[in-house]
Amino acid sequence: MIAPDLTAFRDVLPAGGRLAGLDVGTRTIGLAWCDAGWTIASPAETIERKKFSVDLALLRERFAAQSIKGAVIGLPLSMDGSDSPRTQGVRAFARNLAALALPILLWDERWSTAAVTRTLIAADASRARRAELVDKMAAAYILQGAIDALTMG
C-alpha cells in the first residue's frame, strides 16, 4: 500500500519497527535502515539493479532479514515540485514494490544526493569513494527526513 501522505503512512505502520529507506536510481538502489524506535537512519548497502523480479526478490530477502515494517522511497521531483520522467519511474517502482505488502511512503528527495555529495566532499572523499557511498547515504538521508517527520509532534 502506497500511503498518500505521512499521516496515512504513520496510521498503517505497526507501533515501532524498523523502516527501510530506498534511493532508487536507474542503475542502483541505495538502501538504509533505521532502528525500531525511529531514531536514526544508517546507510546499509547499494545494490546493482537487474530485472525487477530479481530486485524484488533481493529486497524481500533484505527486508525479512532486517524485520522491516515499512519502506520510504525517495521521490525525485523537479525543483518546482512537479513530476519528471524519473519521478514516474520511481512511482512505477513503488507500485511494483507493493507486492511485498508493506506500507510505502514516497518522500521528497530533491536535495538528498546534493547534500550527501557535499558532505563527502567536505570529508575529502575521493571521487571513487563518493560513487561507492552516495546512493546508500542518500537513502539514509531520505529515511532520516521521514523518521524525523514521523516522530515530531
N, C-alpha and C. Protein backbone atom coordinates (compact mmCIF):
# COMPACT_ATOMS: atom_id res chain seq x y z
N MET A 1 0.82 -1.18 0.00
CA MET A 1 0.00 0.00 0.00
C MET A 1 0.87 1.25 0.00
N ILE A 2 0.66 2.11 -0.99
CA ILE A 2 1.40 3.36 -1.05
C ILE A 2 0.57 4.42 -0.34
N ALA A 3 1.10 4.93 0.75
CA ALA A 3 0.38 5.92 1.54
C ALA A 3 0.36 7.26 0.79
N PRO A 4 -0.78 7.94 0.82
CA PRO A 4 -0.86 9.22 0.13
C PRO A 4 -0.12 10.35 0.84
N ASP A 5 0.14 10.17 2.14
CA ASP A 5 0.85 11.20 2.89
C ASP A 5 1.45 10.60 4.17
N LEU A 6 2.18 11.43 4.89
CA LEU A 6 2.87 10.98 6.11
C LEU A 6 1.90 10.47 7.17
N THR A 7 0.77 11.14 7.36
CA THR A 7 -0.19 10.72 8.37
C THR A 7 -0.76 9.34 8.05
N ALA A 8 -1.12 9.14 6.80
CA ALA A 8 -1.66 7.83 6.40
C ALA A 8 -0.61 6.73 6.57
N PHE A 9 0.65 7.04 6.26
CA PHE A 9 1.75 6.09 6.43
C PHE A 9 1.88 5.73 7.91
N ARG A 10 1.92 6.74 8.78
CA ARG A 10 2.04 6.51 10.22
C ARG A 10 0.88 5.66 10.73
N ASP A 11 -0.33 5.93 10.22
CA ASP A 11 -1.51 5.22 10.69
C ASP A 11 -1.50 3.73 10.34
N VAL A 12 -0.83 3.33 9.26
CA VAL A 12 -0.82 1.91 8.88
C VAL A 12 0.41 1.17 9.37
N LEU A 13 1.38 1.90 9.93
CA LEU A 13 2.57 1.24 10.47
C LEU A 13 2.26 0.64 11.83
N PRO A 14 2.88 -0.50 12.14
CA PRO A 14 2.76 -1.02 13.50
C PRO A 14 3.47 -0.05 14.45
N ALA A 15 3.18 -0.11 15.72
CA ALA A 15 3.85 0.75 16.70
C ALA A 15 5.33 0.35 16.72
N GLY A 16 6.15 1.20 16.20
CA GLY A 16 7.58 0.90 16.12
C GLY A 16 7.88 -0.08 15.00
N GLY A 17 9.07 -0.55 14.97
CA GLY A 17 9.50 -1.46 13.91
C GLY A 17 10.44 -0.76 12.96
N ARG A 18 11.37 -1.50 12.43
CA ARG A 18 12.38 -0.92 11.55
C ARG A 18 11.79 -0.53 10.21
N LEU A 19 12.30 0.56 9.67
CA LEU A 19 11.90 1.04 8.35
C LEU A 19 13.09 0.98 7.42
N ALA A 20 12.81 0.85 6.14
CA ALA A 20 13.85 0.88 5.11
C ALA A 20 13.74 2.19 4.35
N GLY A 21 14.86 2.71 3.94
CA GLY A 21 14.91 3.86 3.03
C GLY A 21 15.51 3.41 1.73
N LEU A 22 14.94 3.86 0.62
CA LEU A 22 15.44 3.47 -0.70
C LEU A 22 15.68 4.71 -1.55
N ASP A 23 16.84 4.77 -2.16
CA ASP A 23 17.16 5.77 -3.17
C ASP A 23 17.24 5.00 -4.48
N VAL A 24 16.16 5.07 -5.27
CA VAL A 24 16.04 4.26 -6.47
C VAL A 24 16.59 5.03 -7.67
N GLY A 25 17.66 4.50 -8.24
CA GLY A 25 18.23 5.08 -9.45
C GLY A 25 18.00 4.16 -10.63
N THR A 26 18.47 4.55 -11.77
CA THR A 26 18.29 3.72 -12.96
C THR A 26 19.22 2.51 -12.95
N ARG A 27 20.39 2.63 -12.30
CA ARG A 27 21.35 1.52 -12.27
C ARG A 27 21.54 0.89 -10.90
N THR A 28 21.21 1.65 -9.84
CA THR A 28 21.42 1.15 -8.48
C THR A 28 20.25 1.51 -7.57
N ILE A 29 20.20 0.83 -6.44
CA ILE A 29 19.26 1.17 -5.37
C ILE A 29 20.08 1.29 -4.09
N GLY A 30 20.05 2.48 -3.50
CA GLY A 30 20.68 2.67 -2.21
C GLY A 30 19.71 2.25 -1.12
N LEU A 31 20.21 1.51 -0.13
CA LEU A 31 19.37 1.04 0.97
C LEU A 31 19.89 1.57 2.30
N ALA A 32 18.93 1.87 3.18
CA ALA A 32 19.26 2.29 4.54
C ALA A 32 18.22 1.69 5.46
N TRP A 33 18.57 1.55 6.73
CA TRP A 33 17.65 1.03 7.75
C TRP A 33 17.63 2.02 8.89
N CYS A 34 16.53 2.01 9.65
CA CYS A 34 16.52 2.74 10.91
C CYS A 34 16.22 1.76 12.03
N ASP A 35 16.47 2.20 13.23
CA ASP A 35 16.19 1.37 14.39
C ASP A 35 14.68 1.30 14.62
N ALA A 36 14.23 0.37 15.45
CA ALA A 36 12.80 0.15 15.70
C ALA A 36 12.14 1.35 16.37
N GLY A 37 12.91 2.19 17.03
CA GLY A 37 12.36 3.38 17.68
C GLY A 37 12.34 4.61 16.79
N TRP A 38 12.75 4.45 15.54
CA TRP A 38 12.75 5.53 14.54
C TRP A 38 13.61 6.72 15.00
N THR A 39 14.79 6.41 15.50
CA THR A 39 15.68 7.45 15.98
C THR A 39 16.70 7.86 14.94
N ILE A 40 17.39 6.88 14.37
CA ILE A 40 18.48 7.20 13.45
C ILE A 40 18.48 6.25 12.26
N ALA A 41 18.72 6.82 11.09
CA ALA A 41 18.85 6.03 9.86
C ALA A 41 20.33 5.80 9.58
N SER A 42 20.64 4.60 9.13
CA SER A 42 22.03 4.24 8.81
C SER A 42 22.12 3.68 7.40
N PRO A 43 23.12 4.11 6.64
CA PRO A 43 23.31 3.54 5.30
C PRO A 43 23.58 2.05 5.41
N ALA A 44 23.02 1.26 4.51
CA ALA A 44 23.21 -0.19 4.56
C ALA A 44 24.05 -0.68 3.38
N GLU A 45 23.52 -0.54 2.18
CA GLU A 45 24.25 -1.04 1.01
C GLU A 45 23.68 -0.42 -0.25
N THR A 46 24.43 -0.60 -1.33
CA THR A 46 23.98 -0.21 -2.66
C THR A 46 23.92 -1.48 -3.48
N ILE A 47 22.76 -1.70 -4.10
CA ILE A 47 22.63 -2.89 -4.94
C ILE A 47 22.52 -2.49 -6.40
N GLU A 48 23.11 -3.29 -7.25
CA GLU A 48 23.01 -3.06 -8.70
C GLU A 48 21.65 -3.55 -9.16
N ARG A 49 20.96 -2.71 -9.93
CA ARG A 49 19.65 -3.10 -10.43
C ARG A 49 19.78 -4.13 -11.54
N LYS A 50 18.82 -5.04 -11.53
CA LYS A 50 18.70 -6.07 -12.57
C LYS A 50 17.28 -5.96 -13.12
N LYS A 51 16.68 -7.06 -13.51
CA LYS A 51 15.26 -7.08 -13.83
C LYS A 51 14.50 -6.85 -12.54
N PHE A 52 13.27 -6.30 -12.64
CA PHE A 52 12.55 -6.00 -11.41
C PHE A 52 12.30 -7.25 -10.57
N SER A 53 12.03 -8.38 -11.19
CA SER A 53 11.77 -9.60 -10.41
C SER A 53 12.99 -9.97 -9.56
N VAL A 54 14.18 -9.76 -10.09
CA VAL A 54 15.40 -10.04 -9.34
C VAL A 54 15.56 -9.01 -8.20
N ASP A 55 15.31 -7.73 -8.51
CA ASP A 55 15.39 -6.68 -7.49
C ASP A 55 14.40 -6.96 -6.37
N LEU A 56 13.17 -7.35 -6.73
CA LEU A 56 12.13 -7.62 -5.74
C LEU A 56 12.53 -8.78 -4.82
N ALA A 57 13.06 -9.84 -5.39
CA ALA A 57 13.48 -10.99 -4.58
C ALA A 57 14.59 -10.59 -3.61
N LEU A 58 15.54 -9.79 -4.08
CA LEU A 58 16.64 -9.34 -3.23
C LEU A 58 16.13 -8.43 -2.11
N LEU A 59 15.23 -7.51 -2.45
CA LEU A 59 14.68 -6.62 -1.43
C LEU A 59 13.84 -7.40 -0.43
N ARG A 60 13.07 -8.36 -0.90
CA ARG A 60 12.27 -9.20 0.02
C ARG A 60 13.20 -9.88 1.03
N GLU A 61 14.31 -10.42 0.55
CA GLU A 61 15.29 -11.10 1.41
C GLU A 61 15.89 -10.13 2.43
N ARG A 62 16.33 -8.97 1.95
CA ARG A 62 16.95 -7.97 2.83
C ARG A 62 15.95 -7.46 3.87
N PHE A 63 14.72 -7.17 3.43
CA PHE A 63 13.70 -6.65 4.35
C PHE A 63 13.36 -7.69 5.42
N ALA A 64 13.26 -8.96 5.03
CA ALA A 64 12.96 -10.02 6.00
C ALA A 64 14.09 -10.13 7.02
N ALA A 65 15.34 -10.09 6.55
CA ALA A 65 16.49 -10.21 7.44
C ALA A 65 16.55 -9.07 8.45
N GLN A 66 16.05 -7.89 8.07
CA GLN A 66 16.08 -6.71 8.94
C GLN A 66 14.76 -6.47 9.67
N SER A 67 13.77 -7.36 9.48
CA SER A 67 12.44 -7.21 10.08
C SER A 67 11.82 -5.85 9.75
N ILE A 68 11.87 -5.49 8.48
CA ILE A 68 11.36 -4.20 8.01
C ILE A 68 9.84 -4.19 8.04
N LYS A 69 9.27 -3.09 8.57
CA LYS A 69 7.81 -2.94 8.71
C LYS A 69 7.22 -1.94 7.72
N GLY A 70 8.07 -1.15 7.05
CA GLY A 70 7.61 -0.16 6.08
C GLY A 70 8.79 0.37 5.30
N ALA A 71 8.51 0.99 4.14
CA ALA A 71 9.57 1.50 3.27
C ALA A 71 9.31 2.95 2.91
N VAL A 72 10.38 3.73 2.92
CA VAL A 72 10.34 5.13 2.49
C VAL A 72 11.19 5.20 1.22
N ILE A 73 10.56 5.60 0.13
CA ILE A 73 11.23 5.66 -1.17
C ILE A 73 11.39 7.12 -1.56
N GLY A 74 12.61 7.52 -1.89
CA GLY A 74 12.86 8.88 -2.34
C GLY A 74 12.17 9.15 -3.66
N LEU A 75 11.45 10.26 -3.74
CA LEU A 75 10.73 10.65 -4.94
C LEU A 75 11.45 11.84 -5.57
N PRO A 76 12.05 11.63 -6.75
CA PRO A 76 12.84 12.69 -7.39
C PRO A 76 11.97 13.70 -8.14
N LEU A 77 11.41 14.64 -7.40
CA LEU A 77 10.59 15.68 -8.01
C LEU A 77 11.47 16.71 -8.71
N SER A 78 10.90 17.43 -9.66
CA SER A 78 11.59 18.56 -10.29
C SER A 78 11.72 19.66 -9.24
N MET A 79 12.61 20.61 -9.47
CA MET A 79 12.83 21.67 -8.49
C MET A 79 11.56 22.48 -8.20
N ASP A 80 10.63 22.55 -9.16
CA ASP A 80 9.38 23.27 -8.92
C ASP A 80 8.33 22.40 -8.24
N GLY A 81 8.69 21.16 -7.89
CA GLY A 81 7.78 20.26 -7.20
C GLY A 81 6.93 19.39 -8.11
N SER A 82 7.09 19.55 -9.40
CA SER A 82 6.30 18.75 -10.35
C SER A 82 6.99 17.42 -10.64
N ASP A 83 6.22 16.51 -11.22
CA ASP A 83 6.76 15.22 -11.63
C ASP A 83 7.66 15.38 -12.85
N SER A 84 8.61 14.46 -12.97
CA SER A 84 9.51 14.41 -14.12
C SER A 84 9.47 12.97 -14.64
N PRO A 85 10.12 12.70 -15.75
CA PRO A 85 10.18 11.31 -16.21
C PRO A 85 10.77 10.37 -15.14
N ARG A 86 11.78 10.80 -14.40
CA ARG A 86 12.36 9.97 -13.32
C ARG A 86 11.34 9.73 -12.21
N THR A 87 10.53 10.75 -11.92
CA THR A 87 9.51 10.61 -10.88
C THR A 87 8.54 9.49 -11.25
N GLN A 88 8.13 9.46 -12.51
CA GLN A 88 7.19 8.43 -12.95
C GLN A 88 7.81 7.04 -12.83
N GLY A 89 9.10 6.92 -13.13
CA GLY A 89 9.78 5.63 -12.98
C GLY A 89 9.81 5.16 -11.53
N VAL A 90 10.04 6.08 -10.60
CA VAL A 90 10.07 5.72 -9.19
C VAL A 90 8.67 5.38 -8.69
N ARG A 91 7.66 6.11 -9.17
CA ARG A 91 6.28 5.76 -8.80
C ARG A 91 5.94 4.35 -9.29
N ALA A 92 6.37 4.00 -10.49
CA ALA A 92 6.11 2.65 -11.02
C ALA A 92 6.86 1.61 -10.17
N PHE A 93 8.09 1.90 -9.79
CA PHE A 93 8.86 1.01 -8.92
C PHE A 93 8.10 0.79 -7.61
N ALA A 94 7.59 1.86 -7.01
CA ALA A 94 6.85 1.76 -5.75
C ALA A 94 5.59 0.91 -5.93
N ARG A 95 4.87 1.11 -7.03
CA ARG A 95 3.67 0.30 -7.27
C ARG A 95 4.04 -1.18 -7.35
N ASN A 96 5.13 -1.49 -8.02
CA ASN A 96 5.58 -2.88 -8.12
C ASN A 96 6.07 -3.41 -6.79
N LEU A 97 6.70 -2.56 -5.98
CA LEU A 97 7.21 -2.97 -4.67
C LEU A 97 6.06 -3.27 -3.70
N ALA A 98 4.87 -2.78 -4.00
CA ALA A 98 3.70 -3.05 -3.16
C ALA A 98 3.44 -4.55 -3.05
N ALA A 99 4.02 -5.36 -3.93
CA ALA A 99 3.91 -6.82 -3.84
C ALA A 99 4.46 -7.35 -2.52
N LEU A 100 5.30 -6.57 -1.84
CA LEU A 100 5.85 -7.00 -0.55
C LEU A 100 4.85 -6.82 0.59
N ALA A 101 3.72 -6.21 0.32
CA ALA A 101 2.66 -6.00 1.31
C ALA A 101 3.16 -5.22 2.54
N LEU A 102 3.98 -4.22 2.29
CA LEU A 102 4.45 -3.31 3.34
C LEU A 102 3.93 -1.92 3.04
N PRO A 103 3.67 -1.10 4.07
CA PRO A 103 3.34 0.29 3.81
C PRO A 103 4.52 1.00 3.14
N ILE A 104 4.22 1.82 2.15
CA ILE A 104 5.25 2.56 1.41
C ILE A 104 4.92 4.03 1.45
N LEU A 105 5.93 4.85 1.69
CA LEU A 105 5.80 6.30 1.65
C LEU A 105 6.76 6.84 0.60
N LEU A 106 6.25 7.67 -0.29
CA LEU A 106 7.11 8.38 -1.25
C LEU A 106 7.50 9.71 -0.61
N TRP A 107 8.81 9.96 -0.51
CA TRP A 107 9.33 11.11 0.23
C TRP A 107 10.16 11.98 -0.69
N ASP A 108 9.91 13.28 -0.67
CA ASP A 108 10.64 14.24 -1.49
C ASP A 108 12.14 14.11 -1.25
N GLU A 109 12.86 13.83 -2.32
CA GLU A 109 14.31 13.64 -2.18
C GLU A 109 15.12 14.66 -2.97
N ARG A 110 14.52 15.77 -3.31
CA ARG A 110 15.18 16.72 -4.23
C ARG A 110 16.61 17.08 -3.84
N TRP A 111 16.92 17.21 -2.59
CA TRP A 111 18.26 17.68 -2.20
C TRP A 111 19.14 16.58 -1.60
N SER A 112 18.67 15.34 -1.58
CA SER A 112 19.40 14.29 -0.87
C SER A 112 20.78 14.02 -1.46
N THR A 113 20.86 13.79 -2.75
CA THR A 113 22.16 13.46 -3.35
C THR A 113 23.11 14.64 -3.25
N ALA A 114 22.62 15.86 -3.46
CA ALA A 114 23.48 17.04 -3.37
C ALA A 114 24.01 17.21 -1.94
N ALA A 115 23.15 17.02 -0.94
CA ALA A 115 23.57 17.16 0.46
C ALA A 115 24.62 16.12 0.82
N VAL A 116 24.38 14.89 0.41
CA VAL A 116 25.32 13.81 0.71
C VAL A 116 26.64 14.04 -0.01
N THR A 117 26.58 14.46 -1.26
CA THR A 117 27.80 14.72 -2.03
C THR A 117 28.62 15.83 -1.37
N ARG A 118 27.96 16.91 -0.93
CA ARG A 118 28.68 17.99 -0.24
C ARG A 118 29.37 17.47 1.02
N THR A 119 28.68 16.62 1.77
CA THR A 119 29.25 16.05 3.00
C THR A 119 30.49 15.22 2.67
N LEU A 120 30.39 14.40 1.63
CA LEU A 120 31.52 13.55 1.24
C LEU A 120 32.70 14.37 0.72
N ILE A 121 32.41 15.43 -0.02
CA ILE A 121 33.49 16.31 -0.50
C ILE A 121 34.16 16.99 0.69
N ALA A 122 33.35 17.46 1.65
CA ALA A 122 33.91 18.10 2.85
C ALA A 122 34.78 17.13 3.64
N ALA A 123 34.44 15.84 3.57
CA ALA A 123 35.23 14.81 4.26
C ALA A 123 36.43 14.37 3.42
N ASP A 124 36.62 15.04 2.28
CA ASP A 124 37.74 14.77 1.38
C ASP A 124 37.71 13.35 0.81
N ALA A 125 36.50 12.83 0.58
CA ALA A 125 36.36 11.51 -0.04
C ALA A 125 36.71 11.62 -1.52
N SER A 126 37.44 10.65 -2.01
CA SER A 126 37.80 10.64 -3.43
C SER A 126 36.55 10.45 -4.28
N ARG A 127 36.66 10.74 -5.56
CA ARG A 127 35.54 10.55 -6.49
C ARG A 127 35.06 9.09 -6.46
N ALA A 128 35.98 8.17 -6.45
CA ALA A 128 35.62 6.75 -6.43
C ALA A 128 34.90 6.39 -5.13
N ARG A 129 35.38 6.91 -4.02
CA ARG A 129 34.74 6.64 -2.73
C ARG A 129 33.36 7.27 -2.67
N ARG A 130 33.22 8.48 -3.21
CA ARG A 130 31.89 9.13 -3.25
C ARG A 130 30.92 8.29 -4.07
N ALA A 131 31.36 7.79 -5.21
CA ALA A 131 30.50 6.97 -6.07
C ALA A 131 30.05 5.71 -5.33
N GLU A 132 30.95 5.17 -4.53
CA GLU A 132 30.65 3.96 -3.77
C GLU A 132 29.63 4.21 -2.66
N LEU A 133 29.65 5.39 -2.06
CA LEU A 133 28.85 5.68 -0.87
C LEU A 133 27.56 6.47 -1.12
N VAL A 134 27.50 7.25 -2.19
CA VAL A 134 26.44 8.25 -2.32
C VAL A 134 25.03 7.67 -2.31
N ASP A 135 24.79 6.54 -2.95
CA ASP A 135 23.42 6.01 -3.04
C ASP A 135 22.90 5.54 -1.68
N LYS A 136 23.71 4.79 -0.94
CA LYS A 136 23.24 4.31 0.36
C LYS A 136 23.17 5.45 1.37
N MET A 137 24.05 6.43 1.24
CA MET A 137 23.97 7.58 2.14
C MET A 137 22.76 8.45 1.80
N ALA A 138 22.43 8.57 0.52
CA ALA A 138 21.23 9.31 0.12
C ALA A 138 19.98 8.60 0.66
N ALA A 139 19.98 7.27 0.64
CA ALA A 139 18.86 6.50 1.19
C ALA A 139 18.71 6.80 2.68
N ALA A 140 19.83 6.88 3.40
CA ALA A 140 19.78 7.20 4.83
C ALA A 140 19.28 8.63 5.06
N TYR A 141 19.70 9.55 4.21
CA TYR A 141 19.26 10.95 4.31
C TYR A 141 17.75 11.04 4.10
N ILE A 142 17.24 10.34 3.10
CA ILE A 142 15.81 10.30 2.81
C ILE A 142 15.05 9.71 4.00
N LEU A 143 15.52 8.57 4.48
CA LEU A 143 14.86 7.90 5.60
C LEU A 143 14.90 8.75 6.86
N GLN A 144 16.03 9.41 7.12
CA GLN A 144 16.13 10.26 8.32
C GLN A 144 15.11 11.39 8.26
N GLY A 145 14.94 12.00 7.10
CA GLY A 145 13.95 13.06 6.95
C GLY A 145 12.55 12.56 7.27
N ALA A 146 12.23 11.37 6.80
CA ALA A 146 10.90 10.80 7.05
C ALA A 146 10.71 10.44 8.52
N ILE A 147 11.72 9.82 9.13
CA ILE A 147 11.52 9.42 10.54
C ILE A 147 11.49 10.66 11.44
N ASP A 148 12.24 11.71 11.09
CA ASP A 148 12.15 12.95 11.86
C ASP A 148 10.73 13.49 11.78
N ALA A 149 10.13 13.48 10.60
CA ALA A 149 8.77 13.98 10.44
C ALA A 149 7.76 13.07 11.16
N LEU A 150 8.00 11.76 11.14
CA LEU A 150 7.10 10.83 11.82
C LEU A 150 7.09 11.01 13.33
N THR A 151 8.23 11.38 13.89
CA THR A 151 8.35 11.44 15.35
C THR A 151 8.12 12.84 15.91
N MET A 152 7.94 13.83 15.06
CA MET A 152 7.64 15.20 15.54
C MET A 152 6.17 15.29 15.90
N GLY A 153 5.90 16.01 16.96
CA GLY A 153 4.51 16.29 17.32
C GLY A 153 3.78 15.18 17.84
